[in-house]
Amino acid sequence: MIRGWTAVIVFTTLAVVMMIGVNVRMWRRMKATTAAAKAEAARHEVEAAPSEESTDLRSA
């Protein structure tokens, strides 16, 4: 009977380790995707911002 419980503990431990590994991998992917999206949004914000020359009313 001890061999049966040993197998249960081993398989449960392996399942927990695999679930943690999958969660860590997903978290890292989400973190990288979020960082890339923020960088792209910042780049678009800089490109879309009007330059100082176009908002200067003295030249009108």
PDB file of N, CA and C in Angstrom:
ATOM      1  N   MET A   1       0.821  -1.201   0.000  1.00  0.00           N
ATOM      2  CA  MET A   1       0.000   0.000   0.000  1.00  0.00           C
ATOM      3  C   MET A   1       0.861   1.259   0.000  1.00  0.00           C
ATOM      4  N   ILE A   2       2.034   1.165   0.563  1.00  0.00           N
ATOM      5  CA  ILE A   2       2.918   2.340   0.596  1.00  0.00           C
ATOM      6  C   ILE A   2       3.349   2.710  -0.820  1.00  0.00           C
ATOM      7  N   ARG A   3       3.573   1.731  -1.682  1.00  0.00           N
ATOM      8  CA  ARG A   3       3.965   2.026  -3.061  1.00  0.00           C
ATOM      9  C   ARG A   3       2.868   2.813  -3.775  1.00  0.00           C
ATOM     10  N   GLY A   4       1.634   2.497  -3.497  1.00  0.00           N
ATOM     11  CA  GLY A   4       0.530   3.218  -4.114  1.00  0.00           C
ATOM     12  C   GLY A   4       0.513   4.679  -3.688  1.00  0.00           C
ATOM     13  N   TRP A   5       0.705   4.934  -2.396  1.00  0.00           N
ATOM     14  CA  TRP A   5       0.738   6.317  -1.910  1.00  0.00           C
ATOM     15  C   TRP A   5       1.949   7.050  -2.435  1.00  0.00           C
ATOM     16  N   THR A   6       3.065   6.361  -2.571  1.00  0.00           N
ATOM     17  CA  THR A   6       4.267   6.993  -3.141  1.00  0.00           C
ATOM     18  C   THR A   6       4.000   7.433  -4.569  1.00  0.00           C
ATOM     19  N   ALA A   7       3.332   6.589  -5.334  1.00  0.00           N
ATOM     20  CA  ALA A   7       3.010   6.949  -6.714  1.00  0.00           C
ATOM     21  C   ALA A   7       2.064   8.155  -6.755  1.00  0.00           C
ATOM     22  N   VAL A   8       1.087   8.183  -5.864  1.00  0.00           N
ATOM     23  CA  VAL A   8       0.152   9.312  -5.816  1.00  0.00           C
ATOM     24  C   VAL A   8       0.906  10.600  -5.502  1.00  0.00           C
ATOM     25  N   ILE A   9       1.799  10.557  -4.549  1.00  0.00           N
ATOM     26  CA  ILE A   9       2.564  11.747  -4.176  1.00  0.00           C
ATOM     27  C   ILE A   9       3.466  12.193  -5.323  1.00  0.00           C
ATOM     28  N   VAL A  10       4.130  11.239  -5.967  1.00  0.00           N
ATOM     29  CA  VAL A  10       5.023  11.582  -7.075  1.00  0.00           C
ATOM     30  C   VAL A  10       4.233  12.201  -8.219  1.00  0.00           C
ATOM     31  N   PHE A  11       3.143  11.598  -8.624  1.00  0.00           N
ATOM     32  CA  PHE A  11       2.356  12.126  -9.738  1.00  0.00           C
ATOM     33  C   PHE A  11       1.729  13.480  -9.397  1.00  0.00           C
ATOM     34  N   THR A  12       1.273  13.632  -8.158  1.00  0.00           N
ATOM     35  CA  THR A  12       0.703  14.915  -7.749  1.00  0.00           C
ATOM     36  C   THR A  12       1.775  16.000  -7.769  1.00  0.00           C
ATOM     37  N   THR A  13       2.969  15.680  -7.282  1.00  0.00           N
ATOM     38  CA  THR A  13       4.068  16.650  -7.289  1.00  0.00           C
ATOM     39  C   THR A  13       4.435  17.035  -8.716  1.00  0.00           C
ATOM     40  N   LEU A  14       4.503  16.065  -9.606  1.00  0.00           N
ATOM     41  CA  LEU A  14       4.815  16.365 -11.009  1.00  0.00           C
ATOM     42  C   LEU A  14       3.738  17.245 -11.635  1.00  0.00           C
ATOM     43  N   ALA A  15       2.479  16.968 -11.336  1.00  0.00           N
ATOM     44  CA  ALA A  15       1.392  17.781 -11.887  1.00  0.00           C
ATOM     45  C   ALA A  15       1.474  19.214 -11.382  1.00  0.00           C
ATOM     46  N   VAL A  16       1.762  19.388 -10.096  1.00  0.00           N
ATOM     47  CA  VAL A  16       1.878  20.730  -9.525  1.00  0.00           C
ATOM     48  C   VAL A  16       3.048  21.474 -10.157  1.00  0.00           C
ATOM     49  N   VAL A  17       4.179  20.812 -10.316  1.00  0.00           N
ATOM     50  CA  VAL A  17       5.350  21.441 -10.935  1.00  0.00           C
ATOM     51  C   VAL A  17       5.038  21.845 -12.369  1.00  0.00           C
ATOM     52  N   MET A  18       4.348  20.993 -13.114  1.00  0.00           N
ATOM     53  CA  MET A  18       3.994  21.330 -14.490  1.00  0.00           C
ATOM     54  C   MET A  18       3.032  22.510 -14.536  1.00  0.00           C
ATOM     55  N   MET A  19       2.049  22.553 -13.636  1.00  0.00           N
ATOM     56  CA  MET A  19       1.103  23.678 -13.613  1.00  0.00           C
ATOM     57  C   MET A  19       1.821  24.985 -13.288  1.00  0.00           C
ATOM     58  N   ILE A  20       2.751  24.935 -12.349  1.00  0.00           N
ATOM     59  CA  ILE A  20       3.520  26.138 -12.010  1.00  0.00           C
ATOM     60  C   ILE A  20       4.346  26.584 -13.212  1.00  0.00           C
ATOM     61  N   GLY A  21       4.958  25.634 -13.906  1.00  0.00           N
ATOM     62  CA  GLY A  21       5.748  25.963 -15.088  1.00  0.00           C
ATOM     63  C   GLY A  21       4.905  26.611 -16.173  1.00  0.00           C
ATOM     64  N   VAL A  22       3.721  26.087 -16.404  1.00  0.00           N
ATOM     65  CA  VAL A  22       2.830  26.657 -17.424  1.00  0.00           C
ATOM     66  C   VAL A  22       2.396  28.065 -17.012  1.00  0.00           C
ATOM     67  N   ASN A  23       2.062  28.243 -15.736  1.00  0.00           N
ATOM     68  CA  ASN A  23       1.642  29.565 -15.266  1.00  0.00           C
ATOM     69  C   ASN A  23       2.768  30.580 -15.375  1.00  0.00           C
ATOM     70  N   VAL A  24       3.982  30.191 -15.053  1.00  0.00           N
ATOM     71  CA  VAL A  24       5.126  31.103 -15.152  1.00  0.00           C
ATOM     72  C   VAL A  24       5.366  31.476 -16.607  1.00  0.00           C
ATOM     73  N   ARG A  25       5.281  30.497 -17.495  1.00  0.00           N
ATOM     74  CA  ARG A  25       5.488  30.777 -18.915  1.00  0.00           C
ATOM     75  C   ARG A  25       4.424  31.739 -19.440  1.00  0.00           C
ATOM     76  N   MET A  26       3.164  31.519 -19.044  1.00  0.00           N
ATOM     77  CA  MET A  26       2.076  32.410 -19.480  1.00  0.00           C
ATOM     78  C   MET A  26       2.269  33.812 -18.911  1.00  0.00           C
ATOM     79  N   TRP A  27       2.696  33.921 -17.649  1.00  0.00           N
ATOM     80  CA  TRP A  27       2.914  35.219 -17.028  1.00  0.00           C
ATOM     81  C   TRP A  27       4.022  35.974 -17.748  1.00  0.00           C
ATOM     82  N   ARG A  28       5.104  35.274 -18.100  1.00  0.00           N
ATOM     83  CA  ARG A  28       6.202  35.927 -18.821  1.00  0.00           C
ATOM     84  C   ARG A  28       5.754  36.397 -20.198  1.00  0.00           C
ATOM     85  N   ARG A  29       4.933  35.585 -20.882  1.00  0.00           N
ATOM     86  CA  ARG A  29       4.414  35.996 -22.191  1.00  0.00           C
ATOM     87  C   ARG A  29       3.541  37.228 -22.073  1.00  0.00           C
ATOM     88  N   MET A  30       2.665  37.238 -21.075  1.00  0.00           N
ATOM     89  CA  MET A  30       1.780  38.394 -20.884  1.00  0.00           C
ATOM     90  C   MET A  30       2.592  39.638 -20.548  1.00  0.00           C
ATOM     91  N   LYS A  31       3.624  39.472 -19.738  1.00  0.00           N
ATOM     92  CA  LYS A  31       4.471  40.598 -19.363  1.00  0.00           C
ATOM     93  C   LYS A  31       5.175  41.168 -20.593  1.00  0.00           C
ATOM     94  N   ALA A  32       5.715  40.297 -21.440  1.00  0.00           N
ATOM     95  CA  ALA A  32       6.399  40.744 -22.653  1.00  0.00           C
ATOM     96  C   ALA A  32       5.421  41.406 -23.620  1.00  0.00           C
ATOM     97  N   THR A  33       4.230  40.838 -23.754  1.00  0.00           N
ATOM     98  CA  THR A  33       3.229  41.404 -24.655  1.00  0.00           C
ATOM     99  C   THR A  33       2.779  42.776 -24.164  1.00  0.00           C
ATOM    100  N   THR A  34       2.581  42.908 -22.866  1.00  0.00           N
ATOM    101  CA  THR A  34       2.180  44.192 -22.306  1.00  0.00           C
ATOM    102  C   THR A  34       3.268  45.238 -22.517  1.00  0.00           C
ATOM    103  N   ALA A  35       4.520  44.860 -22.298  1.00  0.00           N
ATOM    104  CA  ALA A  35       5.621  45.805 -22.490  1.00  0.00           C
ATOM    105  C   ALA A  35       5.714  46.232 -23.953  1.00  0.00           C
ATOM    106  N   ALA A  36       5.538  45.293 -24.873  1.00  0.00           N
ATOM    107  CA  ALA A  36       5.589  45.620 -26.302  1.00  0.00           C
ATOM    108  C   ALA A  36       4.435  46.542 -26.687  1.00  0.00           C
ATOM    109  N   ALA A  37       3.259  46.284 -26.152  1.00  0.00           N
ATOM    110  CA  ALA A  37       2.098  47.125 -26.461  1.00  0.00           C
ATOM    111  C   ALA A  37       2.293  48.534 -25.902  1.00  0.00           C
ATOM    112  N   LYS A  38       2.849  48.641 -24.702  1.00  0.00           N
ATOM    113  CA  LYS A  38       3.092  49.967 -24.127  1.00  0.00           C
ATOM    114  C   LYS A  38       4.130  50.723 -24.945  1.00  0.00           C
ATOM    115  N   ALA A  39       5.176  50.038 -25.384  1.00  0.00           N
ATOM    116  CA  ALA A  39       6.205  50.691 -26.190  1.00  0.00           C
ATOM    117  C   ALA A  39       5.630  51.156 -27.526  1.00  0.00           C
ATOM    118  N   GLU A  40       4.789  50.334 -28.129  1.00  0.00           N
ATOM    119  CA  GLU A  40       4.172  50.719 -29.400  1.00  0.00           C
ATOM    120  C   GLU A  40       3.222  51.899 -29.208  1.00  0.00           C
ATOM    121  N   ALA A  41       2.465  51.898 -28.128  1.00  0.00           N
ATOM    122  CA  ALA A  41       1.556  53.007 -27.857  1.00  0.00           C
ATOM    123  C   ALA A  41       2.337  54.299 -27.626  1.00  0.00           C
ATOM    124  N   ALA A  42       3.449  54.199 -26.913  1.00  0.00           N
ATOM    125  CA  ALA A  42       4.270  55.384 -26.678  1.00  0.00           C
ATOM    126  C   ALA A  42       4.863  55.890 -27.990  1.00  0.00           C
ATOM    127  N   ARG A  43       5.260  54.968 -28.856  1.00  0.00           N
ATOM    128  CA  ARG A  43       5.831  55.364 -30.143  1.00  0.00           C
ATOM    129  C   ARG A  43       4.768  56.057 -30.990  1.00  0.00           C
ATOM    130  N   HIS A  44       3.554  55.530 -30.996  1.00  0.00           N
ATOM    131  CA  HIS A  44       2.478  56.154 -31.760  1.00  0.00           C
ATOM    132  C   HIS A  44       2.101  57.513 -31.177  1.00  0.00           C
ATOM    133  N   GLU A  45       2.170  57.612 -29.854  1.00  0.00           N
ATOM    134  CA  GLU A  45       1.846  58.877 -29.205  1.00  0.00           C
ATOM    135  C   GLU A  45       2.857  59.957 -29.599  1.00  0.00           C
ATOM    136  N   VAL A  46       4.126  59.585 -29.680  1.00  0.00           N
ATOM    137  CA  VAL A  46       5.161  60.543 -30.071  1.00  0.00           C
ATOM    138  C   VAL A  46       4.971  60.946 -31.526  1.00  0.00           C
ATOM    139  N   GLU A  47       4.643  59.979 -32.384  1.00  0.00           N
ATOM    140  CA  GLU A  47       4.451  60.274 -33.805  1.00  0.00           C
ATOM    141  C   GLU A  47       3.211  61.142 -34.028  1.00  0.00           C
ATOM    142  N   ALA A  48       2.179  60.943 -33.242  1.00  0.00           N
ATOM    143  CA  ALA A  48       0.924  61.660 -33.440  1.00  0.00           C
ATOM    144  C   ALA A  48       0.932  63.045 -32.797  1.00  0.00           C
ATOM    145  N   ALA A  49       1.875  63.300 -31.909  1.00  0.00           N
ATOM    146  CA  ALA A  49       1.923  64.594 -31.230  1.00  0.00           C
ATOM    147  C   ALA A  49       2.294  65.681 -32.233  1.00  0.00           C
ATOM    148  N   PRO A  50       1.576  66.787 -32.212  1.00  0.00           N
ATOM    149  CA  PRO A  50       1.908  67.867 -33.149  1.00  0.00           C
ATOM    150  C   PRO A  50       3.236  68.507 -32.767  1.00  0.00           C
ATOM    151  N   SER A  51       3.970  68.933 -33.748  1.00  0.00           N
ATOM    152  CA  SER A  51       5.253  69.562 -33.474  1.00  0.00           C
ATOM    153  C   SER A  51       5.017  70.980 -32.956  1.00  0.00           C
ATOM    154  N   GLU A  52       6.030  71.554 -32.339  1.00  0.00           N
ATOM    155  CA  GLU A  52       5.891  72.879 -31.759  1.00  0.00           C
ATOM    156  C   GLU A  52       5.690  73.935 -32.849  1.00  0.00           C
ATOM    157  N   GLU A  53       6.282  73.727 -34.013  1.00  0.00           N
ATOM    158  CA  GLU A  53       6.175  74.700 -35.080  1.00  0.00           C
ATOM    159  C   GLU A  53       4.735  74.824 -35.587  1.00  0.00           C
ATOM    160  N   SER A  54       4.018  73.712 -35.657  1.00  0.00           N
ATOM    161  CA  SER A  54       2.661  73.762 -36.182  1.00  0.00           C
ATOM    162  C   SER A  54       1.678  74.400 -35.192  1.00  0.00           C
ATOM    163  N   THR A  55       2.020  74.427 -33.910  1.00  0.00           N
ATOM    164  CA  THR A  55       1.122  75.030 -32.925  1.00  0.00           C
ATOM    165  C   THR A  55       1.532  76.452 -32.588  1.00  0.00           C
ATOM    166  N   ASP A  56       2.581  76.941 -33.193  1.00  0.00           N
ATOM    167  CA  ASP A  56       3.051  78.298 -32.919  1.00  0.00           C
ATOM    168  C   ASP A  56       2.135  79.296 -33.637  1.00  0.00           C
ATOM    169  N   LEU A  57       1.419  80.116 -32.885  1.00  0.00           N
ATOM    170  CA  LEU A  57       0.470  81.055 -33.482  1.00  0.00           C
ATOM    171  C   LEU A  57       1.146  82.318 -33.999  1.00  0.00           C
ATOM    172  N   ARG A  58       2.385  82.552 -33.600  1.00  0.00           N
ATOM    173  CA  ARG A  58       3.077  83.760 -34.065  1.00  0.00           C
ATOM    174  C   ARG A  58       3.377  83.711 -35.563  1.00  0.00           C
ATOM    175  N   SER A  59       3.495  82.503 -36.114  1.00  0.00           N
ATOM    176  CA  SER A  59       3.825  82.393 -37.525  1.00  0.00           C
ATOM    177  C   SER A  59       2.591  82.578 -38.412  1.00  0.00           C
ATOM    178  N   ALA A  60       1.412  82.667 -37.825  1.00  0.00           N
ATOM    179  CA  ALA A  60       0.185  82.773 -38.612  1.00  0.00           C
ATOM    180  C   ALA A  60      -0.062  84.172 -39.100  1.00  0.00           C
TER     181      ALA A  60
END
